[in-house]
Amino acid sequence: VSGGSAANTLAGISTLGLQCAFIGQVADDQLGKVFRHD
């Protein structure tokens, strides 16, 4: 499951109906695509 501390916090805030954006670095690979999709 996609994680990362601040990303998890944003996921929680977003489910409560607030507008969020994330800045973080993934690689151009399968796990990176999973993370972006999630």
PDB file of all heavy atoms in Angstrom:
ATOM      1  N   VAL A   1       0.860  -1.187   0.000  1.00  0.00           N
ATOM      2  CA  VAL A   1       0.000   0.000   0.000  1.00  0.00           C
ATOM      3  C   VAL A   1       0.891   1.229   0.000  1.00  0.00           C
ATOM      4  O   VAL A   1       1.934   1.233   0.646  1.00  0.00           O
ATOM      5  CB  VAL A   1      -0.940   0.041   1.231  1.00  0.00           C
ATOM      6  CG1 VAL A   1      -2.053  -0.957   1.125  1.00  0.00           C
ATOM      7  CG2 VAL A   1      -0.182  -0.162   2.529  1.00  0.00           C
ATOM      8  N   SER A   2       0.487   2.239  -0.723  1.00  0.00           N
ATOM      9  CA  SER A   2       1.295   3.455  -0.748  1.00  0.00           C
ATOM     10  C   SER A   2       1.334   4.072   0.639  1.00  0.00           C
ATOM     11  O   SER A   2       0.317   4.145   1.320  1.00  0.00           O
ATOM     12  CB  SER A   2       0.721   4.444  -1.751  1.00  0.00           C
ATOM     13  OG  SER A   2       0.910   3.927  -3.050  1.00  0.00           O
ATOM     14  N   GLY A   3       2.540   4.487   1.040  1.00  0.00           N
ATOM     15  CA  GLY A   3       2.713   5.064   2.365  1.00  0.00           C
ATOM     16  C   GLY A   3       3.534   6.333   2.313  1.00  0.00           C
ATOM     17  O   GLY A   3       3.413   7.121   1.386  1.00  0.00           O
ATOM     18  N   GLY A   4       4.394   6.489   3.300  1.00  0.00           N
ATOM     19  CA  GLY A   4       5.117   7.753   3.452  1.00  0.00           C
ATOM     20  C   GLY A   4       4.339   8.595   4.440  1.00  0.00           C
ATOM     21  O   GLY A   4       3.139   8.802   4.289  1.00  0.00           O
ATOM     22  N   SER A   5       5.009   9.069   5.480  1.00  0.00           N
ATOM     23  CA  SER A   5       4.321   9.729   6.591  1.00  0.00           C
ATOM     24  C   SER A   5       3.421  10.894   6.160  1.00  0.00           C
ATOM     25  O   SER A   5       2.225  10.914   6.444  1.00  0.00           O
ATOM     26  CB  SER A   5       5.364  10.205   7.604  1.00  0.00           C
ATOM     27  OG  SER A   5       4.759  10.937   8.623  1.00  0.00           O
ATOM     28  N   ALA A   6       3.999  11.873   5.477  1.00  0.00           N
ATOM     29  CA  ALA A   6       3.199  13.044   5.089  1.00  0.00           C
ATOM     30  C   ALA A   6       2.131  12.678   4.060  1.00  0.00           C
ATOM     31  O   ALA A   6       1.025  13.219   4.076  1.00  0.00           O
ATOM     32  CB  ALA A   6       4.114  14.136   4.529  1.00  0.00           C
ATOM     33  N   ALA A   7       2.466  11.731   3.171  1.00  0.00           N
ATOM     34  CA  ALA A   7       1.480  11.283   2.172  1.00  0.00           C
ATOM     35  C   ALA A   7       0.299  10.606   2.857  1.00  0.00           C
ATOM     36  O   ALA A   7      -0.860  10.795   2.460  1.00  0.00           O
ATOM     37  CB  ALA A   7       2.148  10.326   1.182  1.00  0.00           C
ATOM     38  N   ASN A   8       0.567   9.830   3.914  1.00  0.00           N
ATOM     39  CA  ASN A   8      -0.521   9.214   4.676  1.00  0.00           C
ATOM     40  C   ASN A   8      -1.402  10.272   5.320  1.00  0.00           C
ATOM     41  O   ASN A   8      -2.631  10.159   5.343  1.00  0.00           O
ATOM     42  CB  ASN A   8       0.050   8.318   5.790  1.00  0.00           C
ATOM     43  CG  ASN A   8       0.767   7.093   5.256  1.00  0.00           C
ATOM     44  OD1 ASN A   8       0.519   6.665   4.136  1.00  0.00           O
ATOM     45  ND2 ASN A   8       1.644   6.534   6.057  1.00  0.00           N
ATOM     46  N   THR A   9      -0.761  11.296   5.871  1.00  0.00           N
ATOM     47  CA  THR A   9      -1.527  12.382   6.503  1.00  0.00           C
ATOM     48  C   THR A   9      -2.427  13.063   5.478  1.00  0.00           C
ATOM     49  O   THR A   9      -3.609  13.312   5.740  1.00  0.00           O
ATOM     50  CB  THR A   9      -0.564  13.395   7.160  1.00  0.00           C
ATOM     51  OG1 THR A   9       0.133  12.731   8.230  1.00  0.00           O
ATOM     52  CG2 THR A   9      -1.309  14.589   7.727  1.00  0.00           C
ATOM     53  N   LEU A  10      -1.884  13.340   4.297  1.00  0.00           N
ATOM     54  CA  LEU A  10      -2.710  13.960   3.245  1.00  0.00           C
ATOM     55  C   LEU A  10      -3.886  13.072   2.860  1.00  0.00           C
ATOM     56  O   LEU A  10      -4.986  13.560   2.623  1.00  0.00           O
ATOM     57  CB  LEU A  10      -1.869  14.228   1.998  1.00  0.00           C
ATOM     58  CG  LEU A  10      -0.968  15.448   1.978  1.00  0.00           C
ATOM     59  CD1 LEU A  10      -0.484  15.702   0.550  1.00  0.00           C
ATOM     60  CD2 LEU A  10      -1.637  16.695   2.523  1.00  0.00           C
ATOM     61  N   ALA A  11      -3.639  11.748   2.786  1.00  0.00           N
ATOM     62  CA  ALA A  11      -4.726  10.823   2.434  1.00  0.00           C
ATOM     63  C   ALA A  11      -5.855  10.950   3.450  1.00  0.00           C
ATOM     64  O   ALA A  11      -7.038  10.963   3.089  1.00  0.00           O
ATOM     65  CB  ALA A  11      -4.206   9.392   2.377  1.00  0.00           C
ATOM     66  N   GLY A  12      -5.485  11.070   4.734  1.00  0.00           N
ATOM     67  CA  GLY A  12      -6.496  11.237   5.777  1.00  0.00           C
ATOM     68  C   GLY A  12      -7.240  12.561   5.653  1.00  0.00           C
ATOM     69  O   GLY A  12      -8.464  12.624   5.790  1.00  0.00           O
ATOM     70  N   ILE A  13      -6.493  13.626   5.382  1.00  0.00           N
ATOM     71  CA  ILE A  13      -7.118  14.954   5.251  1.00  0.00           C
ATOM     72  C   ILE A  13      -8.051  14.980   4.045  1.00  0.00           C
ATOM     73  O   ILE A  13      -9.165  15.519   4.103  1.00  0.00           O
ATOM     74  CB  ILE A  13      -6.038  16.050   5.113  1.00  0.00           C
ATOM     75  CG1 ILE A  13      -5.190  16.129   6.386  1.00  0.00           C
ATOM     76  CG2 ILE A  13      -6.668  17.408   4.813  1.00  0.00           C
ATOM     77  CD1 ILE A  13      -3.956  17.010   6.252  1.00  0.00           C
ATOM     78  N   SER A  14      -7.602  14.368   2.954  1.00  0.00           N
ATOM     79  CA  SER A  14      -8.394  14.348   1.725  1.00  0.00           C
ATOM     80  C   SER A  14      -9.720  13.601   1.917  1.00  0.00           C
ATOM     81  O   SER A  14     -10.766  14.034   1.425  1.00  0.00           O
ATOM     82  CB  SER A  14      -7.583  13.716   0.596  1.00  0.00           C
ATOM     83  OG  SER A  14      -8.300  13.732  -0.615  1.00  0.00           O
ATOM     84  N   THR A  15      -9.672  12.479   2.667  1.00  0.00           N
ATOM     85  CA  THR A  15     -10.915  11.722   2.886  1.00  0.00           C
ATOM     86  C   THR A  15     -11.903  12.513   3.735  1.00  0.00           C
ATOM     87  O   THR A  15     -13.084  12.224   3.737  1.00  0.00           O
ATOM     88  CB  THR A  15     -10.659  10.359   3.566  1.00  0.00           C
ATOM     89  OG1 THR A  15     -10.026  10.589   4.830  1.00  0.00           O
ATOM     90  CG2 THR A  15      -9.789   9.448   2.731  1.00  0.00           C
ATOM     91  N   LEU A  16     -11.400  13.529   4.444  1.00  0.00           N
ATOM     92  CA  LEU A  16     -12.297  14.383   5.230  1.00  0.00           C
ATOM     93  C   LEU A  16     -12.784  15.584   4.428  1.00  0.00           C
ATOM     94  O   LEU A  16     -13.413  16.491   4.967  1.00  0.00           O
ATOM     95  CB  LEU A  16     -11.587  14.836   6.514  1.00  0.00           C
ATOM     96  CG  LEU A  16     -11.407  13.706   7.539  1.00  0.00           C
ATOM     97  CD1 LEU A  16     -10.450  14.110   8.643  1.00  0.00           C
ATOM     98  CD2 LEU A  16     -12.755  13.300   8.131  1.00  0.00           C
ATOM     99  N   GLY A  17     -12.471  15.577   3.125  1.00  0.00           N
ATOM    100  CA  GLY A  17     -13.069  16.563   2.226  1.00  0.00           C
ATOM    101  C   GLY A  17     -12.279  17.822   1.984  1.00  0.00           C
ATOM    102  O   GLY A  17     -12.788  18.777   1.398  1.00  0.00           O
ATOM    103  N   LEU A  18     -11.016  17.854   2.394  1.00  0.00           N
ATOM    104  CA  LEU A  18     -10.209  19.048   2.174  1.00  0.00           C
ATOM    105  C   LEU A  18      -9.357  18.884   0.918  1.00  0.00           C
ATOM    106  O   LEU A  18      -9.094  17.771   0.473  1.00  0.00           O
ATOM    107  CB  LEU A  18      -9.320  19.328   3.392  1.00  0.00           C
ATOM    108  CG  LEU A  18     -10.052  19.978   4.583  1.00  0.00           C
ATOM    109  CD1 LEU A  18     -10.873  18.966   5.348  1.00  0.00           C
ATOM    110  CD2 LEU A  18      -9.064  20.657   5.540  1.00  0.00           C
ATOM    111  N   GLN A  19      -8.933  20.013   0.356  1.00  0.00           N
ATOM    112  CA  GLN A  19      -8.140  20.010  -0.877  1.00  0.00           C
ATOM    113  C   GLN A  19      -6.653  19.895  -0.551  1.00  0.00           C
ATOM    114  O   GLN A  19      -6.126  20.695   0.205  1.00  0.00           O
ATOM    115  CB  GLN A  19      -8.380  21.314  -1.653  1.00  0.00           C
ATOM    116  CG  GLN A  19      -9.770  21.449  -2.238  1.00  0.00           C
ATOM    117  CD  GLN A  19     -10.077  20.346  -3.230  1.00  0.00           C
ATOM    118  OE1 GLN A  19     -10.958  19.533  -3.008  1.00  0.00           O
ATOM    119  NE2 GLN A  19      -9.338  20.320  -4.322  1.00  0.00           N
ATOM    120  N   CYS A  20      -6.006  18.893  -1.144  1.00  0.00           N
ATOM    121  CA  CYS A  20      -4.599  18.632  -0.821  1.00  0.00           C
ATOM    122  C   CYS A  20      -3.747  18.430  -2.074  1.00  0.00           C
ATOM    123  O   CYS A  20      -4.242  17.983  -3.110  1.00  0.00           O
ATOM    124  CB  CYS A  20      -4.476  17.365   0.022  1.00  0.00           C
ATOM    125  SG  CYS A  20      -5.373  17.410   1.577  1.00  0.00           S
ATOM    126  N   ALA A  21      -2.456  18.714  -1.924  1.00  0.00           N
ATOM    127  CA  ALA A  21      -1.482  18.421  -2.983  1.00  0.00           C
ATOM    128  C   ALA A  21      -0.216  17.898  -2.324  1.00  0.00           C
ATOM    129  O   ALA A  21       0.085  18.227  -1.172  1.00  0.00           O
ATOM    130  CB  ALA A  21      -1.179  19.669  -3.805  1.00  0.00           C
ATOM    131  N   PHE A  22       0.528  17.072  -3.060  1.00  0.00           N
ATOM    132  CA  PHE A  22       1.726  16.429  -2.517  1.00  0.00           C
ATOM    133  C   PHE A  22       2.926  16.696  -3.408  1.00  0.00           C
ATOM    134  O   PHE A  22       2.811  16.728  -4.629  1.00  0.00           O
ATOM    135  CB  PHE A  22       1.486  14.912  -2.421  1.00  0.00           C
ATOM    136  CG  PHE A  22       2.655  14.135  -1.877  1.00  0.00           C
ATOM    137  CD1 PHE A  22       3.003  14.219  -0.537  1.00  0.00           C
ATOM    138  CD2 PHE A  22       3.412  13.315  -2.710  1.00  0.00           C
ATOM    139  CE1 PHE A  22       4.091  13.504  -0.026  1.00  0.00           C
ATOM    140  CE2 PHE A  22       4.499  12.595  -2.214  1.00  0.00           C
ATOM    141  CZ  PHE A  22       4.830  12.691  -0.867  1.00  0.00           C
ATOM    142  N   ILE A  23       4.075  16.893  -2.770  1.00  0.00           N
ATOM    143  CA  ILE A  23       5.344  17.009  -3.484  1.00  0.00           C
ATOM    144  C   ILE A  23       6.272  15.932  -2.939  1.00  0.00           C
ATOM    145  O   ILE A  23       6.520  15.867  -1.723  1.00  0.00           O
ATOM    146  CB  ILE A  23       5.981  18.403  -3.277  1.00  0.00           C
ATOM    147  CG1 ILE A  23       5.090  19.492  -3.887  1.00  0.00           C
ATOM    148  CG2 ILE A  23       7.380  18.454  -3.885  1.00  0.00           C
ATOM    149  CD1 ILE A  23       5.530  20.916  -3.553  1.00  0.00           C
ATOM    150  N   GLY A  24       6.754  15.054  -3.809  1.00  0.00           N
ATOM    151  CA  GLY A  24       7.643  13.975  -3.394  1.00  0.00           C
ATOM    152  C   GLY A  24       8.225  13.304  -4.628  1.00  0.00           C
ATOM    153  O   GLY A  24       7.695  13.474  -5.737  1.00  0.00           O
ATOM    154  N   GLN A  25       9.303  12.559  -4.439  1.00  0.00           N
ATOM    155  CA  GLN A  25      10.027  11.996  -5.577  1.00  0.00           C
ATOM    156  C   GLN A  25       9.855  10.483  -5.698  1.00  0.00           C
ATOM    157  O   GLN A  25      10.214   9.746  -4.793  1.00  0.00           O
ATOM    158  CB  GLN A  25      11.519  12.319  -5.450  1.00  0.00           C
ATOM    159  CG  GLN A  25      12.325  11.993  -6.682  1.00  0.00           C
ATOM    160  CD  GLN A  25      11.961  12.894  -7.849  1.00  0.00           C
ATOM    161  OE1 GLN A  25      12.222  14.083  -7.830  1.00  0.00           O
ATOM    162  NE2 GLN A  25      11.337  12.329  -8.876  1.00  0.00           N
ATOM    163  N   VAL A  26       9.293  10.046  -6.830  1.00  0.00           N
ATOM    164  CA  VAL A  26       9.280   8.618  -7.154  1.00  0.00           C
ATOM    165  C   VAL A  26      10.215   8.397  -8.341  1.00  0.00           C
ATOM    166  O   VAL A  26      10.592   9.336  -9.034  1.00  0.00           O
ATOM    167  CB  VAL A  26       7.862   8.096  -7.507  1.00  0.00           C
ATOM    168  CG1 VAL A  26       6.938   8.157  -6.309  1.00  0.00           C
ATOM    169  CG2 VAL A  26       7.266   8.869  -8.696  1.00  0.00           C
ATOM    170  N   ALA A  27      10.571   7.128  -8.559  1.00  0.00           N
ATOM    171  CA  ALA A  27      11.342   6.772  -9.749  1.00  0.00           C
ATOM    172  C   ALA A  27      10.374   6.408 -10.863  1.00  0.00           C
ATOM    173  O   ALA A  27       9.179   6.192 -10.631  1.00  0.00           O
ATOM    174  CB  ALA A  27      12.264   5.590  -9.435  1.00  0.00           C
ATOM    175  N   ASP A  28      10.897   6.339 -12.060  1.00  0.00           N
ATOM    176  CA  ASP A  28      10.084   5.953 -13.219  1.00  0.00           C
ATOM    177  C   ASP A  28      10.035   4.418 -13.260  1.00  0.00           C
ATOM    178  O   ASP A  28      10.664   3.785 -14.106  1.00  0.00           O
ATOM    179  CB  ASP A  28      10.718   6.528 -14.494  1.00  0.00           C
ATOM    180  CG  ASP A  28       9.827   6.324 -15.706  1.00  0.00           C
ATOM    181  OD1 ASP A  28       8.659   5.903 -15.514  1.00  0.00           O
ATOM    182  OD2 ASP A  28      10.293   6.554 -16.826  1.00  0.00           O
ATOM    183  N   ASP A  29       9.314   3.820 -12.300  1.00  0.00           N
ATOM    184  CA  ASP A  29       9.233   2.361 -12.224  1.00  0.00           C
ATOM    185  C   ASP A  29       7.830   1.954 -11.752  1.00  0.00           C
ATOM    186  O   ASP A  29       6.969   2.813 -11.534  1.00  0.00           O
ATOM    187  CB  ASP A  29      10.320   1.791 -11.301  1.00  0.00           C
ATOM    188  CG  ASP A  29      10.273   2.348  -9.871  1.00  0.00           C
ATOM    189  OD1 ASP A  29       9.264   2.978  -9.509  1.00  0.00           O
ATOM    190  OD2 ASP A  29      11.248   2.154  -9.125  1.00  0.00           O
ATOM    191  N   GLN A  30       7.617   0.658 -11.591  1.00  0.00           N
ATOM    192  CA  GLN A  30       6.283   0.157 -11.264  1.00  0.00           C
ATOM    193  C   GLN A  30       5.768   0.679  -9.917  1.00  0.00           C
ATOM    194  O   GLN A  30       4.627   1.107  -9.799  1.00  0.00           O
ATOM    195  CB  GLN A  30       6.272  -1.384 -11.274  1.00  0.00           C
ATOM    196  CG  GLN A  30       4.896  -2.010 -11.070  1.00  0.00           C
ATOM    197  CD  GLN A  30       3.831  -1.497 -12.039  1.00  0.00           C
ATOM    198  OE1 GLN A  30       4.111  -1.228 -13.199  1.00  0.00           O
ATOM    199  NE2 GLN A  30       2.614  -1.328 -11.559  1.00  0.00           N
ATOM    200  N   LEU A  31       6.625   0.639  -8.894  1.00  0.00           N
ATOM    201  CA  LEU A  31       6.191   1.140  -7.584  1.00  0.00           C
ATOM    202  C   LEU A  31       5.892   2.640  -7.636  1.00  0.00           C
ATOM    203  O   LEU A  31       4.986   3.121  -6.954  1.00  0.00           O
ATOM    204  CB  LEU A  31       7.242   0.850  -6.498  1.00  0.00           C
ATOM    205  CG  LEU A  31       7.308  -0.581  -5.947  1.00  0.00           C
ATOM    206  CD1 LEU A  31       8.326  -0.672  -4.812  1.00  0.00           C
ATOM    207  CD2 LEU A  31       5.950  -1.077  -5.462  1.00  0.00           C
ATOM    208  N   GLY A  32       6.645   3.361  -8.453  1.00  0.00           N
ATOM    209  CA  GLY A  32       6.374   4.790  -8.626  1.00  0.00           C
ATOM    210  C   GLY A  32       4.994   5.026  -9.220  1.00  0.00           C
ATOM    211  O   GLY A  32       4.264   5.933  -8.814  1.00  0.00           O
ATOM    212  N   LYS A  33       4.637   4.172 -10.196  1.00  0.00           N
ATOM    213  CA  LYS A  33       3.299   4.282 -10.812  1.00  0.00           C
ATOM    214  C   LYS A  33       2.209   3.939  -9.802  1.00  0.00           C
ATOM    215  O   LYS A  33       1.158   4.585  -9.759  1.00  0.00           O
ATOM    216  CB  LYS A  33       3.199   3.363 -12.025  1.00  0.00           C
ATOM    217  CG  LYS A  33       4.059   3.799 -13.217  1.00  0.00           C
ATOM    218  CD  LYS A  33       3.864   2.869 -14.412  1.00  0.00           C
ATOM    219  CE  LYS A  33       4.665   3.344 -15.625  1.00  0.00           C
ATOM    220  NZ  LYS A  33       6.113   3.104 -15.470  1.00  0.00           N
ATOM    221  N   VAL A  34       2.462   2.916  -8.975  1.00  0.00           N
ATOM    222  CA  VAL A  34       1.506   2.530  -7.930  1.00  0.00           C
ATOM    223  C   VAL A  34       1.265   3.703  -6.978  1.00  0.00           C
ATOM    224  O   VAL A  34       0.127   4.061  -6.662  1.00  0.00           O
ATOM    225  CB  VAL A  34       2.033   1.301  -7.128  1.00  0.00           C
ATOM    226  CG1 VAL A  34       1.230   1.076  -5.853  1.00  0.00           C
ATOM    227  CG2 VAL A  34       1.994   0.043  -7.983  1.00  0.00           C
ATOM    228  N   PHE A  35       2.370   4.310  -6.553  1.00  0.00           N
ATOM    229  CA  PHE A  35       2.273   5.427  -5.604  1.00  0.00           C
ATOM    230  C   PHE A  35       1.480   6.592  -6.206  1.00  0.00           C
ATOM    231  O   PHE A  35       0.570   7.133  -5.582  1.00  0.00           O
ATOM    232  CB  PHE A  35       3.670   5.897  -5.194  1.00  0.00           C
ATOM    233  CG  PHE A  35       3.648   6.977  -4.144  1.00  0.00           C
ATOM    234  CD1 PHE A  35       3.642   6.659  -2.803  1.00  0.00           C
ATOM    235  CD2 PHE A  35       3.603   8.318  -4.519  1.00  0.00           C
ATOM    236  CE1 PHE A  35       3.585   7.664  -1.835  1.00  0.00           C
ATOM    237  CE2 PHE A  35       3.548   9.324  -3.566  1.00  0.00           C
ATOM    238  CZ  PHE A  35       3.547   8.991  -2.213  1.00  0.00           C
ATOM    239  N   ARG A  36       1.817   6.965  -7.446  1.00  0.00           N
ATOM    240  CA  ARG A  36       1.126   8.099  -8.083  1.00  0.00           C
ATOM    241  C   ARG A  36      -0.361   7.808  -8.243  1.00  0.00           C
ATOM    242  O   ARG A  36      -1.213   8.659  -7.962  1.00  0.00           O
ATOM    243  CB  ARG A  36       1.765   8.407  -9.440  1.00  0.00           C
ATOM    244  CG  ARG A  36       1.297   9.740 -10.024  1.00  0.00           C
ATOM    245  CD  ARG A  36       1.974  10.042 -11.353  1.00  0.00           C
ATOM    246  NE  ARG A  36       3.427  10.136 -11.265  1.00  0.00           N
ATOM    247  CZ  ARG A  36       4.080  11.228 -10.858  1.00  0.00           C
ATOM    248  NH1 ARG A  36       3.423  12.306 -10.511  1.00  0.00           N
ATOM    249  NH2 ARG A  36       5.407  11.223 -10.819  1.00  0.00           N
ATOM    250  N   HIS A  37      -0.672   6.591  -8.671  1.00  0.00           N
ATOM    251  CA  HIS A  37      -2.077   6.215  -8.848  1.00  0.00           C
ATOM    252  C   HIS A  37      -2.834   6.317  -7.518  1.00  0.00           C
ATOM    253  O   HIS A  37      -3.939   6.861  -7.454  1.00  0.00           O
ATOM    254  CB  HIS A  37      -2.187   4.780  -9.385  1.00  0.00           C
ATOM    255  CG  HIS A  37      -3.584   4.241  -9.304  1.00  0.00           C
ATOM    256  ND1 HIS A  37      -4.021   3.507  -8.224  1.00  0.00           N
ATOM    257  CD2 HIS A  37      -4.648   4.373 -10.137  1.00  0.00           C
ATOM    258  CE1 HIS A  37      -5.309   3.200  -8.405  1.00  0.00           C
ATOM    259  NE2 HIS A  37      -5.691   3.713  -9.552  1.00  0.00           N
ATOM    260  N   ASP A  38      -2.230   5.773  -6.450  1.00  0.00           N
ATOM    261  CA  ASP A  38      -2.898   5.773  -5.147  1.00  0.00           C
ATOM    262  C   ASP A  38      -3.149   7.191  -4.643  1.00  0.00           C
ATOM    263  O   ASP A  38      -4.204   7.479  -4.068  1.00  0.00           O
ATOM    264  CB  ASP A  38      -2.082   4.996  -4.114  1.00  0.00           C
ATOM    265  CG  ASP A  38      -2.139   3.491  -4.347  1.00  0.00           C
ATOM    266  OD1 ASP A  38      -2.897   3.052  -5.227  1.00  0.00           O
ATOM    267  OD2 ASP A  38      -1.421   2.752  -3.636  1.00  0.00           O
TER     268      ASP A  38
END
